[in-house]
Amino acid sequence: MIRLALFASGSGSNVENIYNYFSNNTNFIISKVYCNNANAGVLERCKRLNLKSLVFKRHEFFESSLVLKDLIETSDVIVLAGFLWKIPENIIQVFSDKIINIHPALLPKYGGKGMYGMNVHKAVKENNDAETGITIHFVNEKYDDGAIIFQAKTSLKPSDGIEEIAQKVHELEYKYYPKIIEQTFS
C-alpha cells in the first residue's frame, strides 16, 4: 500500500477530491494532511473526512526536522495540493522523485515564486491567452521547475473573466490530478 502525504495551505478542495478518488482504492491511502496555516479550510475538511493532519510553523518546516521525521514515519509519496511554500532541500533529498505538484497553468508559462492561484489566472487574462491548463510535475529545489509528468489544456474565450478561467482550470485539476497520482506511483 502506498501512503500519500497531502500538503495544503488553503480550502482543501483538491485534498477532498483526492480523498474521494482513493477512498475505495486498496493500493493507496492518505496517511496525513500537512498544513502550514492553522486557519486553513482544509483542516475542517480533514475533521469531516476523518483524516489525520499536522499543522506546522515556518521554523518547524525550514529549520528543524520535525516535518521530515513525521513524513518518514507515515508516508511514501508527497502530493502538493495547493501548498504555497517551497519544499526544503532535506525533504526533497529524502523523497527524491516522490513529490509531485499541480500548477494552474501550462508550464513553463506563469511559473515561479508568487505564481499561484488567482495570480496565475490574472496573468493569463492580461496576456489574452487563447488557452490555459494544468501542469503536474515532480518537485525539485526551484519553484515549478521539476520534470513535467502531465499537462491538460482548455481553450479560453476573450470574454472569459478571471473567475471563469479559474473554474475551467479547477475542472481539469479535479479530473486529472488523482488519476495522474495513481499512474505515477502505481
C-alpha atoms as a PDB file:
ATOM      1  CA  MET A   1       0.000   0.000   0.000  1.00  0.00           C
ATOM      2  CA  ILE A   2       1.295   3.432  -0.982  1.00  0.00           C
ATOM      3  CA  ARG A   3       0.912   6.049   1.734  1.00  0.00           C
ATOM      4  CA  LEU A   4       0.147   9.552   0.417  1.00  0.00           C
ATOM      5  CA  ALA A   5       1.024  12.694   2.345  1.00  0.00           C
ATOM      6  CA  LEU A   6      -1.046  15.627   1.116  1.00  0.00           C
ATOM      7  CA  PHE A   7       0.233  19.184   1.640  1.00  0.00           C
ATOM      8  CA  ALA A   8      -2.252  22.076   1.525  1.00  0.00           C
ATOM      9  CA  SER A   9      -2.405  25.718   2.580  1.00  0.00           C
ATOM     10  CA  GLY A  10      -5.976  26.705   1.738  1.00  0.00           C
ATOM     11  CA  SER A  11      -9.517  25.395   1.428  1.00  0.00           C
ATOM     12  CA  GLY A  12      -8.528  21.824   0.596  1.00  0.00           C
ATOM     13  CA  SER A  13     -10.813  21.212  -2.376  1.00  0.00           C
ATOM     14  CA  ASN A  14      -8.082  19.218  -4.126  1.00  0.00           C
ATOM     15  CA  VAL A  15      -7.426  17.282  -0.907  1.00  0.00           C
ATOM     16  CA  GLU A  16     -11.081  16.270  -0.752  1.00  0.00           C
ATOM     17  CA  ASN A  17     -11.104  15.374  -4.442  1.00  0.00           C
ATOM     18  CA  ILE A  18      -8.029  13.162  -3.988  1.00  0.00           C
ATOM     19  CA  TYR A  19      -9.579  11.610  -0.862  1.00  0.00           C
ATOM     20  CA  ASN A  20     -12.793  10.781  -2.752  1.00  0.00           C
ATOM     21  CA  TYR A  21     -10.862   9.288  -5.667  1.00  0.00           C
ATOM     22  CA  PHE A  22      -8.783   6.974  -3.473  1.00  0.00           C
ATOM     23  CA  SER A  23     -11.440   6.162  -0.833  1.00  0.00           C
ATOM     24  CA  ASN A  24     -12.113   2.701  -2.280  1.00  0.00           C
ATOM     25  CA  ASN A  25      -8.626   2.054  -3.652  1.00  0.00           C
ATOM     26  CA  THR A  26      -6.771  -0.637  -1.718  1.00  0.00           C
ATOM     27  CA  ASN A  27      -3.400   0.311  -3.232  1.00  0.00           C
ATOM     28  CA  PHE A  28      -3.325   3.882  -1.852  1.00  0.00           C
ATOM     29  CA  ILE A  29      -4.121   5.500   1.481  1.00  0.00           C
ATOM     30  CA  ILE A  30      -3.918   9.114   2.596  1.00  0.00           C
ATOM     31  CA  SER A  31      -1.681   8.873   5.632  1.00  0.00           C
ATOM     32  CA  LYS A  32      -1.849  12.514   6.707  1.00  0.00           C
ATOM     33  CA  VAL A  33      -2.553  16.050   5.562  1.00  0.00           C
ATOM     34  CA  TYR A  34       0.193  18.577   6.301  1.00  0.00           C
ATOM     35  CA  CYS A  35      -0.721  22.239   6.572  1.00  0.00           C
ATOM     36  CA  ASN A  36       1.198  25.453   7.192  1.00  0.00           C
ATOM     37  CA  ASN A  37      -1.891  27.525   8.028  1.00  0.00           C
ATOM     38  CA  ALA A  38      -3.731  26.909  11.307  1.00  0.00           C
ATOM     39  CA  ASN A  39      -6.793  28.732   9.903  1.00  0.00           C
ATOM     40  CA  ALA A  40      -6.956  26.877   6.572  1.00  0.00           C
ATOM     41  CA  GLY A  41     -10.267  25.398   5.487  1.00  0.00           C
ATOM     42  CA  VAL A  42      -8.531  22.121   4.697  1.00  0.00           C
ATOM     43  CA  LEU A  43      -8.357  21.382   8.442  1.00  0.00           C
ATOM     44  CA  GLU A  44     -12.161  21.408   8.703  1.00  0.00           C
ATOM     45  CA  ARG A  45     -12.290  19.051   5.723  1.00  0.00           C
ATOM     46  CA  CYS A  46      -9.809  16.767   7.479  1.00  0.00           C
ATOM     47  CA  LYS A  47     -12.058  16.593  10.546  1.00  0.00           C
ATOM     48  CA  ARG A  48     -15.121  15.867   8.421  1.00  0.00           C
ATOM     49  CA  LEU A  49     -13.287  13.215   6.374  1.00  0.00           C
ATOM     50  CA  ASN A  50     -11.563  11.725   9.427  1.00  0.00           C
ATOM     51  CA  LEU A  51      -8.092  12.425   8.023  1.00  0.00           C
ATOM     52  CA  LYS A  52      -5.103  12.914  10.302  1.00  0.00           C
ATOM     53  CA  SER A  53      -3.424  16.285   9.985  1.00  0.00           C
ATOM     54  CA  LEU A  54      -0.323  18.080  11.161  1.00  0.00           C
ATOM     55  CA  VAL A  55      -0.140  21.863  11.321  1.00  0.00           C
ATOM     56  CA  PHE A  56       3.359  23.315  11.418  1.00  0.00           C
ATOM     57  CA  LYS A  57       5.003  26.699  11.635  1.00  0.00           C
ATOM     58  CA  ARG A  58       7.631  28.110   9.263  1.00  0.00           C
ATOM     59  CA  HIS A  59      10.574  27.369  11.554  1.00  0.00           C
ATOM     60  CA  GLU A  60       9.356  23.797  12.108  1.00  0.00           C
ATOM     61  CA  PHE A  61       9.365  23.244   8.354  1.00  0.00           C
ATOM     62  CA  PHE A  62      12.535  25.025   7.304  1.00  0.00           C
ATOM     63  CA  GLU A  63      14.765  24.983  10.390  1.00  0.00           C
ATOM     64  CA  SER A  64      14.029  21.674  12.084  1.00  0.00           C
ATOM     65  CA  SER A  65      13.489  18.073  11.076  1.00  0.00           C
ATOM     66  CA  LEU A  66      10.048  17.805  12.707  1.00  0.00           C
ATOM     67  CA  VAL A  67       8.081  17.546   9.455  1.00  0.00           C
ATOM     68  CA  LEU A  68      10.674  15.351   7.734  1.00  0.00           C
ATOM     69  CA  LYS A  69      10.728  12.871  10.637  1.00  0.00           C
ATOM     70  CA  ASP A  70       6.943  12.651  10.597  1.00  0.00           C
ATOM     71  CA  LEU A  71       6.907  12.139   6.824  1.00  0.00           C
ATOM     72  CA  ILE A  72       9.464   9.330   7.029  1.00  0.00           C
ATOM     73  CA  GLU A  73       7.293   7.534   9.613  1.00  0.00           C
ATOM     74  CA  THR A  74       3.974   7.958   7.824  1.00  0.00           C
ATOM     75  CA  SER A  75       4.405   8.442   4.074  1.00  0.00           C
ATOM     76  CA  ASP A  76       5.853   7.085   0.844  1.00  0.00           C
ATOM     77  CA  VAL A  77       4.836   9.872  -1.545  1.00  0.00           C
ATOM     78  CA  ILE A  78       4.180  13.610  -1.120  1.00  0.00           C
ATOM     79  CA  VAL A  79       1.397  15.299  -3.088  1.00  0.00           C
ATOM     80  CA  LEU A  80       1.198  19.084  -3.066  1.00  0.00           C
ATOM     81  CA  ALA A  81      -2.442  20.149  -3.300  1.00  0.00           C
ATOM     82  CA  GLY A  82      -2.475  23.911  -3.063  1.00  0.00           C
ATOM     83  CA  PHE A  83       0.590  24.208  -0.837  1.00  0.00           C
ATOM     84  CA  LEU A  84       2.237  27.609  -1.111  1.00  0.00           C
ATOM     85  CA  TRP A  85       5.692  27.153   0.420  1.00  0.00           C
ATOM     86  CA  LYS A  86       8.789  25.903  -1.344  1.00  0.00           C
ATOM     87  CA  ILE A  87       9.757  22.407  -0.182  1.00  0.00           C
ATOM     88  CA  PRO A  88      13.018  22.327   1.828  1.00  0.00           C
ATOM     89  CA  GLU A  89      16.002  20.556   0.331  1.00  0.00           C
ATOM     90  CA  ASN A  90      16.198  17.954   3.137  1.00  0.00           C
ATOM     91  CA  ILE A  91      12.686  16.716   2.276  1.00  0.00           C
ATOM     92  CA  ILE A  92      13.419  16.773  -1.466  1.00  0.00           C
ATOM     93  CA  GLN A  93      16.550  14.666  -0.930  1.00  0.00           C
ATOM     94  CA  VAL A  94      14.780  12.004   1.135  1.00  0.00           C
ATOM     95  CA  PHE A  95      11.725  11.911  -1.163  1.00  0.00           C
ATOM     96  CA  SER A  96      13.560  12.268  -4.478  1.00  0.00           C
ATOM     97  CA  ASP A  97      11.138  11.689  -7.399  1.00  0.00           C
ATOM     98  CA  LYS A  98       8.352  11.087  -4.895  1.00  0.00           C
ATOM     99  CA  ILE A  99       7.000  14.637  -4.600  1.00  0.00           C
ATOM    100  CA  ILE A 100       4.543  15.975  -7.156  1.00  0.00           C
ATOM    101  CA  ASN A 101       2.708  19.243  -7.570  1.00  0.00           C
ATOM    102  CA  ILE A 102      -0.110  20.571  -9.696  1.00  0.00           C
ATOM    103  CA  HIS A 103       0.281  24.035 -11.202  1.00  0.00           C
ATOM    104  CA  PRO A 104      -2.686  26.012 -12.598  1.00  0.00           C
ATOM    105  CA  ALA A 105      -1.014  26.888 -15.917  1.00  0.00           C
ATOM    106  CA  LEU A 106       0.859  25.311 -18.795  1.00  0.00           C
ATOM    107  CA  LEU A 107       4.430  25.458 -17.521  1.00  0.00           C
ATOM    108  CA  PRO A 108       6.884  26.920 -18.255  1.00  0.00           C
ATOM    109  CA  LYS A 109       4.423  29.810 -18.672  1.00  0.00           C
ATOM    110  CA  TYR A 110       3.338  31.529 -15.467  1.00  0.00           C
ATOM    111  CA  GLY A 111       5.546  29.577 -13.103  1.00  0.00           C
ATOM    112  CA  GLY A 112       7.856  30.664 -10.315  1.00  0.00           C
ATOM    113  CA  LYS A 113       7.634  32.468  -6.997  1.00  0.00           C
ATOM    114  CA  GLY A 114       4.330  34.231  -6.481  1.00  0.00           C
ATOM    115  CA  MET A 115       2.630  32.479  -9.397  1.00  0.00           C
ATOM    116  CA  TYR A 116      -0.199  30.569  -7.749  1.00  0.00           C
ATOM    117  CA  GLY A 117      -3.988  30.603  -7.770  1.00  0.00           C
ATOM    118  CA  MET A 118      -5.641  33.783  -8.968  1.00  0.00           C
ATOM    119  CA  ASN A 119      -2.253  35.411  -9.682  1.00  0.00           C
ATOM    120  CA  VAL A 120      -1.795  32.884 -12.481  1.00  0.00           C
ATOM    121  CA  HIS A 121      -5.312  33.297 -13.878  1.00  0.00           C
ATOM    122  CA  LYS A 122      -4.952  37.082 -13.826  1.00  0.00           C
ATOM    123  CA  ALA A 123      -1.697  36.834 -15.812  1.00  0.00           C
ATOM    124  CA  VAL A 124      -3.347  34.507 -18.346  1.00  0.00           C
ATOM    125  CA  LYS A 125      -6.206  37.006 -18.771  1.00  0.00           C
ATOM    126  CA  GLU A 126      -3.899  40.033 -19.029  1.00  0.00           C
ATOM    127  CA  ASN A 127      -1.913  38.302 -21.775  1.00  0.00           C
ATOM    128  CA  ASN A 128      -5.091  37.378 -23.683  1.00  0.00           C
ATOM    129  CA  ASP A 129      -4.038  33.737 -23.912  1.00  0.00           C
ATOM    130  CA  ALA A 130      -6.233  31.534 -26.094  1.00  0.00           C
ATOM    131  CA  GLU A 131      -5.663  28.542 -23.802  1.00  0.00           C
ATOM    132  CA  THR A 132      -4.509  27.624 -20.358  1.00  0.00           C
ATOM    133  CA  GLY A 133      -4.448  24.430 -18.353  1.00  0.00           C
ATOM    134  CA  ILE A 134      -2.687  22.445 -15.684  1.00  0.00           C
ATOM    135  CA  THR A 135       0.774  21.002 -15.304  1.00  0.00           C
ATOM    136  CA  ILE A 136       1.523  18.096 -12.989  1.00  0.00           C
ATOM    137  CA  HIS A 137       5.241  17.892 -12.295  1.00  0.00           C
ATOM    138  CA  PHE A 138       7.863  16.491  -9.967  1.00  0.00           C
ATOM    139  CA  VAL A 139       9.154  18.914  -7.345  1.00  0.00           C
ATOM    140  CA  ASN A 140      12.788  19.958  -7.174  1.00  0.00           C
ATOM    141  CA  GLU A 141      14.661  22.781  -5.404  1.00  0.00           C
ATOM    142  CA  LYS A 142      13.165  25.507  -7.641  1.00  0.00           C
ATOM    143  CA  TYR A 143       9.576  26.710  -7.949  1.00  0.00           C
ATOM    144  CA  ASP A 144       7.677  24.953 -10.769  1.00  0.00           C
ATOM    145  CA  ASP A 145      10.872  23.616 -12.359  1.00  0.00           C
ATOM    146  CA  GLY A 146      10.679  19.829 -11.919  1.00  0.00           C
ATOM    147  CA  ALA A 147      10.168  17.364 -14.752  1.00  0.00           C
ATOM    148  CA  ILE A 148       6.701  17.572 -16.266  1.00  0.00           C
ATOM    149  CA  ILE A 149       4.581  14.437 -15.851  1.00  0.00           C
ATOM    150  CA  PHE A 150       1.351  15.584 -17.497  1.00  0.00           C
ATOM    151  CA  GLN A 151      -0.386  18.623 -18.969  1.00  0.00           C
ATOM    152  CA  ALA A 152      -4.018  19.224 -19.934  1.00  0.00           C
ATOM    153  CA  LYS A 153      -5.343  22.245 -21.816  1.00  0.00           C
ATOM    154  CA  THR A 154      -8.584  24.164 -22.002  1.00  0.00           C
ATOM    155  CA  SER A 155      -9.465  26.820 -24.534  1.00  0.00           C
ATOM    156  CA  LEU A 156     -10.419  30.310 -23.472  1.00  0.00           C
ATOM    157  CA  LYS A 157     -12.775  32.858 -24.963  1.00  0.00           C
ATOM    158  CA  PRO A 158     -11.866  36.549 -24.964  1.00  0.00           C
ATOM    159  CA  SER A 159     -14.966  37.107 -22.829  1.00  0.00           C
ATOM    160  CA  ASP A 160     -13.791  34.706 -20.081  1.00  0.00           C
ATOM    161  CA  GLY A 161     -13.103  36.555 -16.849  1.00  0.00           C
ATOM    162  CA  ILE A 162     -10.610  35.525 -14.200  1.00  0.00           C
ATOM    163  CA  GLU A 163     -13.283  33.546 -12.308  1.00  0.00           C
ATOM    164  CA  GLU A 164     -14.257  31.610 -15.466  1.00  0.00           C
ATOM    165  CA  ILE A 165     -10.601  30.857 -16.161  1.00  0.00           C
ATOM    166  CA  ALA A 166     -10.173  29.621 -12.588  1.00  0.00           C
ATOM    167  CA  GLN A 167     -13.259  27.395 -12.899  1.00  0.00           C
ATOM    168  CA  LYS A 168     -12.002  25.802 -16.144  1.00  0.00           C
ATOM    169  CA  VAL A 169      -8.622  25.099 -14.532  1.00  0.00           C
ATOM    170  CA  HIS A 170     -10.235  23.637 -11.388  1.00  0.00           C
ATOM    171  CA  GLU A 171     -12.264  21.260 -13.545  1.00  0.00           C
ATOM    172  CA  LEU A 172      -9.035  19.993 -15.118  1.00  0.00           C
ATOM    173  CA  GLU A 173      -7.412  19.647 -11.687  1.00  0.00           C
ATOM    174  CA  TYR A 174     -10.287  17.599 -10.302  1.00  0.00           C
ATOM    175  CA  LYS A 175     -10.484  15.409 -13.405  1.00  0.00           C
ATOM    176  CA  TYR A 176      -6.790  14.606 -13.829  1.00  0.00           C
ATOM    177  CA  TYR A 177      -4.773  15.043 -10.624  1.00  0.00           C
ATOM    178  CA  PRO A 178      -5.913  11.886  -8.794  1.00  0.00           C
ATOM    179  CA  LYS A 179      -5.563   9.773 -11.957  1.00  0.00           C
ATOM    180  CA  ILE A 180      -2.022  11.026 -12.589  1.00  0.00           C
ATOM    181  CA  ILE A 181      -1.065  10.434  -8.946  1.00  0.00           C
ATOM    182  CA  GLU A 182      -2.264   6.840  -9.325  1.00  0.00           C
ATOM    183  CA  GLN A 183      -0.494   6.306 -12.664  1.00  0.00           C
ATOM    184  CA  THR A 184       2.768   7.893 -11.494  1.00  0.00           C
ATOM    185  CA  PHE A 185       3.123   5.889  -8.296  1.00  0.00           C
ATOM    186  CA  SER A 186       1.487   2.538  -9.124  1.00  0.00           C
END
